[in-house]
Amino acid sequence: MFPHRLYLITDERVLGRRPLIETVEAAVRGGVDLVQYRNKTKPIEEQADEAGRLKERLDRMNVPLIINDHSKVAYLTGSAGLHLGQEDALISEARRFLPTQWIGLSTHTPEQARRAAAAGAAYIGFGPIFHARTKSAGPGNPKSWPPVGCALLRTVLLANPALPIFPIGGIDETTVDEVLKAGATRLAVCGAILGARDPEAAARAFRTRLDKKLDGRYGAGP
């Protein structure tokens, strides 16, 4: 069972001078129930130290921490799981170091989603749904993939009813309703929460919409 619904992805470029731990805590108070530590600039040792301190705080709030890309950081911090991209290690390879943790995977096509489910992914991110603003383009970066849109999202949701799927990419207060109406019951968000003037209030707004979806007020969906 994977009960988590609102997934916050950290990004040091969005945070700017804001403190990571305090900003994430505010988002959790607003309803975030899963956090991914993603840092593309710091050395592994510094990432492990920062992620470890973040995990200590999240443990007190009963919110799991996922580590982006680096199995070593996930192992050293005892985090709940690891998130991989299409250009990263295979799930089977990561399992050698993290035999019991969740392993999630970024996907961008229906076939990638199908393969992730067959490989035993605990969940997938699917997108970018819209133009993502928090990743720089380049080989292997999700922004290199064109936006998939909500119609393809719905296709993937219907084809994989047992797989937890987090739509990601360009989801904010102006686009979230379209994503939920496509059938999504989970959301992965970065800039619209971390970059908000009030991260707690921004997270609470997303959580309210998710709860509304789960109550059936967005109509039928997967």
C-alpha atoms as a PDB file:
ATOM      1  CA  MET A   1       0.000   0.000   0.000  1.00  0.00           C
ATOM      2  CA  PHE A   2       1.286   3.471  -0.936  1.00  0.00           C
ATOM      3  CA  PRO A   3      -0.942   6.048   0.781  1.00  0.00           C
ATOM      4  CA  HIS A   4       1.013   9.198  -0.047  1.00  0.00           C
ATOM      5  CA  ARG A   5      -0.670  11.834  -2.190  1.00  0.00           C
ATOM      6  CA  LEU A   6       1.200  15.150  -2.179  1.00  0.00           C
ATOM      7  CA  TYR A   7       4.868  14.766  -3.093  1.00  0.00           C
ATOM      8  CA  LEU A   8       7.225  17.702  -2.647  1.00  0.00           C
ATOM      9  CA  ILE A   9      10.426  17.760  -4.726  1.00  0.00           C
ATOM     10  CA  THR A  10      13.151  20.009  -3.354  1.00  0.00           C
ATOM     11  CA  ASP A  11      15.294  22.217  -5.580  1.00  0.00           C
ATOM     12  CA  GLU A  12      18.029  24.473  -4.265  1.00  0.00           C
ATOM     13  CA  ARG A  13      17.575  26.895  -7.170  1.00  0.00           C
ATOM     14  CA  VAL A  14      13.940  27.475  -6.292  1.00  0.00           C
ATOM     15  CA  LEU A  15      14.713  27.837  -2.594  1.00  0.00           C
ATOM     16  CA  GLY A  16      17.339  30.483  -3.176  1.00  0.00           C
ATOM     17  CA  ARG A  17      18.249  31.839   0.262  1.00  0.00           C
ATOM     18  CA  ARG A  18      15.337  30.166   2.014  1.00  0.00           C
ATOM     19  CA  PRO A  19      16.349  27.472   4.523  1.00  0.00           C
ATOM     20  CA  LEU A  20      15.610  24.007   3.186  1.00  0.00           C
ATOM     21  CA  ILE A  21      14.478  22.305   6.368  1.00  0.00           C
ATOM     22  CA  GLU A  22      12.207  25.070   7.635  1.00  0.00           C
ATOM     23  CA  THR A  23      10.609  25.531   4.209  1.00  0.00           C
ATOM     24  CA  VAL A  24       9.935  21.812   3.859  1.00  0.00           C
ATOM     25  CA  GLU A  25       8.510  21.723   7.381  1.00  0.00           C
ATOM     26  CA  ALA A  26       6.080  24.476   6.458  1.00  0.00           C
ATOM     27  CA  ALA A  27       4.974  22.523   3.384  1.00  0.00           C
ATOM     28  CA  VAL A  28       4.432  19.425   5.488  1.00  0.00           C
ATOM     29  CA  ARG A  29       2.255  21.403   7.888  1.00  0.00           C
ATOM     30  CA  GLY A  30       0.213  22.341   4.838  1.00  0.00           C
ATOM     31  CA  GLY A  31      -0.354  18.742   3.787  1.00  0.00           C
ATOM     32  CA  VAL A  32       2.720  17.414   1.989  1.00  0.00           C
ATOM     33  CA  ASP A  33       3.059  13.748   2.980  1.00  0.00           C
ATOM     34  CA  LEU A  34       6.106  12.663   0.939  1.00  0.00           C
ATOM     35  CA  VAL A  35       9.348  14.567   0.270  1.00  0.00           C
ATOM     36  CA  GLN A  36      12.107  14.002  -2.258  1.00  0.00           C
ATOM     37  CA  TYR A  37      15.539  15.476  -1.571  1.00  0.00           C
ATOM     38  CA  ARG A  38      17.006  16.574  -4.899  1.00  0.00           C
ATOM     39  CA  ASN A  39      20.215  18.569  -5.133  1.00  0.00           C
ATOM     40  CA  LYS A  40      22.242  18.826  -8.325  1.00  0.00           C
ATOM     41  CA  THR A  41      25.072  21.061  -7.108  1.00  0.00           C
ATOM     42  CA  LYS A  42      26.463  19.800  -3.806  1.00  0.00           C
ATOM     43  CA  PRO A  43      29.041  16.995  -3.419  1.00  0.00           C
ATOM     44  CA  ILE A  44      27.700  13.631  -2.265  1.00  0.00           C
ATOM     45  CA  GLU A  45      29.059  14.060   1.269  1.00  0.00           C
ATOM     46  CA  GLU A  46      27.296  17.405   1.701  1.00  0.00           C
ATOM     47  CA  GLN A  47      24.108  15.981   0.258  1.00  0.00           C
ATOM     48  CA  ALA A  48      24.226  13.102   2.743  1.00  0.00           C
ATOM     49  CA  ASP A  49      24.696  15.523   5.636  1.00  0.00           C
ATOM     50  CA  GLU A  50      21.873  17.840   4.553  1.00  0.00           C
ATOM     51  CA  ALA A  51      19.511  14.997   3.671  1.00  0.00           C
ATOM     52  CA  GLY A  52      20.261  13.338   7.011  1.00  0.00           C
ATOM     53  CA  ARG A  53      19.297  16.477   8.899  1.00  0.00           C
ATOM     54  CA  LEU A  54      16.153  16.815   6.814  1.00  0.00           C
ATOM     55  CA  LYS A  55      15.235  13.194   7.509  1.00  0.00           C
ATOM     56  CA  GLU A  56      15.601  13.706  11.253  1.00  0.00           C
ATOM     57  CA  ARG A  57      13.081  16.536  11.117  1.00  0.00           C
ATOM     58  CA  LEU A  58      10.693  14.665   8.814  1.00  0.00           C
ATOM     59  CA  ASP A  59      10.821  11.580  11.031  1.00  0.00           C
ATOM     60  CA  ARG A  60       9.302  13.671  13.815  1.00  0.00           C
ATOM     61  CA  MET A  61       6.468  14.577  11.456  1.00  0.00           C
ATOM     62  CA  ASN A  62       5.976  10.996  10.204  1.00  0.00           C
ATOM     63  CA  VAL A  63       6.739  11.955   6.614  1.00  0.00           C
ATOM     64  CA  PRO A  64       9.026   9.701   4.520  1.00  0.00           C
ATOM     65  CA  LEU A  65      12.052  11.050   2.678  1.00  0.00           C
ATOM     66  CA  ILE A  66      13.050   9.886  -0.804  1.00  0.00           C
ATOM     67  CA  ILE A  67      16.515  10.602  -2.228  1.00  0.00           C
ATOM     68  CA  ASN A  68      16.941  11.608  -5.851  1.00  0.00           C
ATOM     69  CA  ASP A  69      19.483   9.668  -7.932  1.00  0.00           C
ATOM     70  CA  HIS A  70      22.076   8.722  -5.325  1.00  0.00           C
ATOM     71  CA  SER A  71      21.738   5.264  -3.775  1.00  0.00           C
ATOM     72  CA  LYS A  72      24.716   6.017  -1.517  1.00  0.00           C
ATOM     73  CA  VAL A  73      22.926   9.002   0.032  1.00  0.00           C
ATOM     74  CA  ALA A  74      19.744   6.943   0.447  1.00  0.00           C
ATOM     75  CA  TYR A  75      21.739   4.191   2.146  1.00  0.00           C
ATOM     76  CA  LEU A  76      23.755   6.496   4.433  1.00  0.00           C
ATOM     77  CA  THR A  77      20.704   8.421   5.604  1.00  0.00           C
ATOM     78  CA  GLY A  78      18.427   5.411   6.002  1.00  0.00           C
ATOM     79  CA  SER A  79      15.847   7.142   3.844  1.00  0.00           C
ATOM     80  CA  ALA A  80      12.585   5.516   2.841  1.00  0.00           C
ATOM     81  CA  GLY A  81      13.523   5.241  -0.788  1.00  0.00           C
ATOM     82  CA  LEU A  82      15.326   6.288  -3.934  1.00  0.00           C
ATOM     83  CA  HIS A  83      14.035   8.047  -7.034  1.00  0.00           C
ATOM     84  CA  LEU A  84      15.638   7.276 -10.394  1.00  0.00           C
ATOM     85  CA  GLY A  85      15.461   8.891 -13.805  1.00  0.00           C
ATOM     86  CA  GLN A  86      15.501   7.154 -17.157  1.00  0.00           C
ATOM     87  CA  GLU A  87      19.248   7.737 -17.445  1.00  0.00           C
ATOM     88  CA  ASP A  88      20.069   6.482 -13.944  1.00  0.00           C
ATOM     89  CA  ALA A  89      20.664   2.971 -12.614  1.00  0.00           C
ATOM     90  CA  LEU A  90      18.119   0.247 -13.258  1.00  0.00           C
ATOM     91  CA  ILE A  91      15.692  -0.621 -10.482  1.00  0.00           C
ATOM     92  CA  SER A  92      17.250  -4.089 -10.301  1.00  0.00           C
ATOM     93  CA  GLU A  93      20.708  -2.568  -9.770  1.00  0.00           C
ATOM     94  CA  ALA A  94      19.487  -0.192  -7.074  1.00  0.00           C
ATOM     95  CA  ARG A  95      17.841  -3.109  -5.278  1.00  0.00           C
ATOM     96  CA  ARG A  96      21.286  -4.574  -4.525  1.00  0.00           C
ATOM     97  CA  PHE A  97      22.018  -1.621  -2.237  1.00  0.00           C
ATOM     98  CA  LEU A  98      18.478  -0.846  -1.090  1.00  0.00           C
ATOM     99  CA  PRO A  99      16.688  -4.192  -0.839  1.00  0.00           C
ATOM    100  CA  THR A 100      13.725  -3.005   1.223  1.00  0.00           C
ATOM    101  CA  GLN A 101      13.338   0.676   0.348  1.00  0.00           C
ATOM    102  CA  TRP A 102      10.875   2.112  -2.135  1.00  0.00           C
ATOM    103  CA  ILE A 103      12.294   2.799  -5.573  1.00  0.00           C
ATOM    104  CA  GLY A 104      10.439   5.240  -7.779  1.00  0.00           C
ATOM    105  CA  LEU A 105      11.066   6.096 -11.408  1.00  0.00           C
ATOM    106  CA  SER A 106      10.551   9.087 -13.668  1.00  0.00           C
ATOM    107  CA  THR A 107       8.619   8.175 -16.811  1.00  0.00           C
ATOM    108  CA  HIS A 108       7.591  10.131 -19.879  1.00  0.00           C
ATOM    109  CA  THR A 109       5.770   7.658 -22.135  1.00  0.00           C
ATOM    110  CA  PRO A 110       3.152   4.916 -21.670  1.00  0.00           C
ATOM    111  CA  GLU A 111       5.764   2.274 -22.491  1.00  0.00           C
ATOM    112  CA  GLN A 112       8.150   3.578 -19.833  1.00  0.00           C
ATOM    113  CA  ALA A 113       5.312   3.512 -17.322  1.00  0.00           C
ATOM    114  CA  ARG A 114       4.471  -0.079 -18.274  1.00  0.00           C
ATOM    115  CA  ARG A 115       8.107  -1.164 -17.910  1.00  0.00           C
ATOM    116  CA  ALA A 116       8.426   0.587 -14.555  1.00  0.00           C
ATOM    117  CA  ALA A 117       5.401  -1.307 -13.239  1.00  0.00           C
ATOM    118  CA  ALA A 118       6.807  -4.601 -14.532  1.00  0.00           C
ATOM    119  CA  ALA A 119      10.178  -3.870 -12.878  1.00  0.00           C
ATOM    120  CA  GLY A 120       8.536  -3.384  -9.494  1.00  0.00           C
ATOM    121  CA  ALA A 121       8.627   0.383  -9.095  1.00  0.00           C
ATOM    122  CA  ALA A 122       6.923   1.476  -5.871  1.00  0.00           C
ATOM    123  CA  TYR A 123       5.541   4.481  -7.755  1.00  0.00           C
ATOM    124  CA  ILE A 124       6.271   6.548 -10.848  1.00  0.00           C
ATOM    125  CA  GLY A 125       6.431  10.190 -11.719  1.00  0.00           C
ATOM    126  CA  PHE A 126       4.816  10.846 -15.101  1.00  0.00           C
ATOM    127  CA  GLY A 127       5.441  13.989 -17.092  1.00  0.00           C
ATOM    128  CA  PRO A 128       6.203  16.686 -17.671  1.00  0.00           C
ATOM    129  CA  ILE A 129       2.473  17.323 -17.891  1.00  0.00           C
ATOM    130  CA  PHE A 130       3.109  20.959 -18.776  1.00  0.00           C
ATOM    131  CA  HIS A 131       6.310  22.920 -19.354  1.00  0.00           C
ATOM    132  CA  ALA A 132       8.440  22.406 -16.246  1.00  0.00           C
ATOM    133  CA  ARG A 133      10.151  25.505 -14.918  1.00  0.00           C
ATOM    134  CA  THR A 134      12.472  23.957 -12.346  1.00  0.00           C
ATOM    135  CA  LYS A 135      14.798  21.800 -14.471  1.00  0.00           C
ATOM    136  CA  SER A 136      17.370  22.892 -16.993  1.00  0.00           C
ATOM    137  CA  ALA A 137      17.309  21.184 -20.370  1.00  0.00           C
ATOM    138  CA  GLY A 138      20.005  18.715 -21.335  1.00  0.00           C
ATOM    139  CA  PRO A 139      20.625  15.036 -22.041  1.00  0.00           C
ATOM    140  CA  GLY A 140      18.667  12.893 -19.627  1.00  0.00           C
ATOM    141  CA  ASN A 141      16.793  15.796 -18.049  1.00  0.00           C
ATOM    142  CA  PRO A 142      12.990  15.499 -18.026  1.00  0.00           C
ATOM    143  CA  LYS A 143      12.657  18.964 -19.494  1.00  0.00           C
ATOM    144  CA  SER A 144      14.211  17.484 -22.634  1.00  0.00           C
ATOM    145  CA  TRP A 145      10.965  15.544 -23.004  1.00  0.00           C
ATOM    146  CA  PRO A 146       8.059  17.497 -24.478  1.00  0.00           C
ATOM    147  CA  PRO A 147       5.007  18.068 -22.276  1.00  0.00           C
ATOM    148  CA  VAL A 148       2.821  14.973 -22.341  1.00  0.00           C
ATOM    149  CA  GLY A 149      -0.460  16.707 -21.553  1.00  0.00           C
ATOM    150  CA  CYS A 150      -3.458  15.522 -19.600  1.00  0.00           C
ATOM    151  CA  ALA A 151      -4.912  13.242 -22.290  1.00  0.00           C
ATOM    152  CA  LEU A 152      -1.820  11.016 -22.239  1.00  0.00           C
ATOM    153  CA  LEU A 153      -1.760  11.190 -18.448  1.00  0.00           C
ATOM    154  CA  ARG A 154      -5.277   9.801 -18.373  1.00  0.00           C
ATOM    155  CA  THR A 155      -4.254   6.982 -20.724  1.00  0.00           C
ATOM    156  CA  VAL A 156      -1.401   6.005 -18.403  1.00  0.00           C
ATOM    157  CA  LEU A 157      -3.617   6.203 -15.320  1.00  0.00           C
ATOM    158  CA  LEU A 158      -6.212   3.926 -16.896  1.00  0.00           C
ATOM    159  CA  ALA A 159      -3.575   1.445 -18.108  1.00  0.00           C
ATOM    160  CA  ASN A 160      -1.901   1.129 -14.686  1.00  0.00           C
ATOM    161  CA  PRO A 161      -4.656   1.228 -12.055  1.00  0.00           C
ATOM    162  CA  ALA A 162      -2.573  -0.519  -9.367  1.00  0.00           C
ATOM    163  CA  LEU A 163       0.520   1.681  -9.781  1.00  0.00           C
ATOM    164  CA  PRO A 164       0.816   4.892  -7.737  1.00  0.00           C
ATOM    165  CA  ILE A 165       1.326   7.646 -10.330  1.00  0.00           C
ATOM    166  CA  PHE A 166       2.429  11.199  -9.531  1.00  0.00           C
ATOM    167  CA  PRO A 167       1.883  13.676 -12.371  1.00  0.00           C
ATOM    168  CA  ILE A 168       4.748  16.177 -12.422  1.00  0.00           C
ATOM    169  CA  GLY A 169       5.844  19.200 -14.379  1.00  0.00           C
ATOM    170  CA  GLY A 170       4.303  22.665 -14.457  1.00  0.00           C
ATOM    171  CA  ILE A 171       1.593  21.841 -11.937  1.00  0.00           C
ATOM    172  CA  ASP A 172       0.493  24.983 -10.134  1.00  0.00           C
ATOM    173  CA  GLU A 173      -2.676  26.697  -8.986  1.00  0.00           C
ATOM    174  CA  THR A 174      -3.681  27.427 -12.601  1.00  0.00           C
ATOM    175  CA  THR A 175      -3.200  23.871 -13.923  1.00  0.00           C
ATOM    176  CA  VAL A 176      -3.923  21.545 -11.024  1.00  0.00           C
ATOM    177  CA  ASP A 177      -7.655  21.270 -11.656  1.00  0.00           C
ATOM    178  CA  GLU A 178      -7.039  20.053 -15.211  1.00  0.00           C
ATOM    179  CA  VAL A 179      -4.687  17.358 -13.893  1.00  0.00           C
ATOM    180  CA  LEU A 180      -7.191  16.186 -11.306  1.00  0.00           C
ATOM    181  CA  LYS A 181     -10.021  16.147 -13.813  1.00  0.00           C
ATOM    182  CA  ALA A 182      -7.871  13.842 -15.971  1.00  0.00           C
ATOM    183  CA  GLY A 183      -8.089  11.304 -13.161  1.00  0.00           C
ATOM    184  CA  ALA A 184      -5.000  11.973 -11.048  1.00  0.00           C
ATOM    185  CA  THR A 185      -5.285  11.272  -7.321  1.00  0.00           C
ATOM    186  CA  ARG A 186      -1.691  12.233  -6.542  1.00  0.00           C
ATOM    187  CA  LEU A 187       0.491  15.243  -7.331  1.00  0.00           C
ATOM    188  CA  ALA A 188       4.227  15.938  -7.416  1.00  0.00           C
ATOM    189  CA  VAL A 189       5.032  19.621  -6.987  1.00  0.00           C
ATOM    190  CA  CYS A 190       8.194  21.681  -6.720  1.00  0.00           C
ATOM    191  CA  GLY A 191       8.191  25.373  -7.581  1.00  0.00           C
ATOM    192  CA  ALA A 192       4.531  26.068  -6.858  1.00  0.00           C
ATOM    193  CA  ILE A 193       5.159  25.198  -3.208  1.00  0.00           C
ATOM    194  CA  LEU A 194       8.849  25.909  -2.580  1.00  0.00           C
ATOM    195  CA  GLY A 195       8.730  29.176  -4.508  1.00  0.00           C
ATOM    196  CA  ALA A 196       5.461  30.377  -3.010  1.00  0.00           C
ATOM    197  CA  ARG A 197       5.394  33.347  -0.666  1.00  0.00           C
ATOM    198  CA  ASP A 198       3.738  31.078   1.909  1.00  0.00           C
ATOM    199  CA  PRO A 199       4.748  27.420   1.303  1.00  0.00           C
ATOM    200  CA  GLU A 200       2.389  26.147   3.994  1.00  0.00           C
ATOM    201  CA  ALA A 201      -0.618  27.877   2.444  1.00  0.00           C
ATOM    202  CA  ALA A 202       0.406  26.746  -1.052  1.00  0.00           C
ATOM    203  CA  ALA A 203       0.678  23.140   0.080  1.00  0.00           C
ATOM    204  CA  ARG A 204      -2.663  23.373   1.860  1.00  0.00           C
ATOM    205  CA  ALA A 205      -4.321  24.598  -1.340  1.00  0.00           C
ATOM    206  CA  PHE A 206      -3.033  21.567  -3.247  1.00  0.00           C
ATOM    207  CA  ARG A 207      -4.061  19.261  -0.424  1.00  0.00           C
ATOM    208  CA  THR A 208      -7.565  20.719  -0.376  1.00  0.00           C
ATOM    209  CA  ARG A 209      -7.920  20.048  -4.095  1.00  0.00           C
ATOM    210  CA  LEU A 210      -6.658  16.483  -3.662  1.00  0.00           C
ATOM    211  CA  ASP A 211      -9.097  15.849  -0.843  1.00  0.00           C
ATOM    212  CA  LYS A 212     -11.870  17.244  -2.998  1.00  0.00           C
ATOM    213  CA  LYS A 213     -10.851  14.812  -5.749  1.00  0.00           C
ATOM    214  CA  LEU A 214     -10.863  11.868  -3.355  1.00  0.00           C
ATOM    215  CA  ASP A 215     -14.310  12.922  -2.154  1.00  0.00           C
ATOM    216  CA  GLY A 216     -15.544  12.584  -5.736  1.00  0.00           C
ATOM    217  CA  ARG A 217     -16.193  16.262  -6.391  1.00  0.00           C
ATOM    218  CA  TYR A 218     -14.058  16.295  -9.545  1.00  0.00           C
ATOM    219  CA  GLY A 219     -16.083  13.553 -11.191  1.00  0.00           C
ATOM    220  CA  ALA A 220     -15.101  10.003 -12.001  1.00  0.00           C
ATOM    221  CA  GLY A 221     -11.466   9.073 -12.571  1.00  0.00           C
ATOM    222  CA  PRO A 222      -9.152   6.088 -12.253  1.00  0.00           C
END
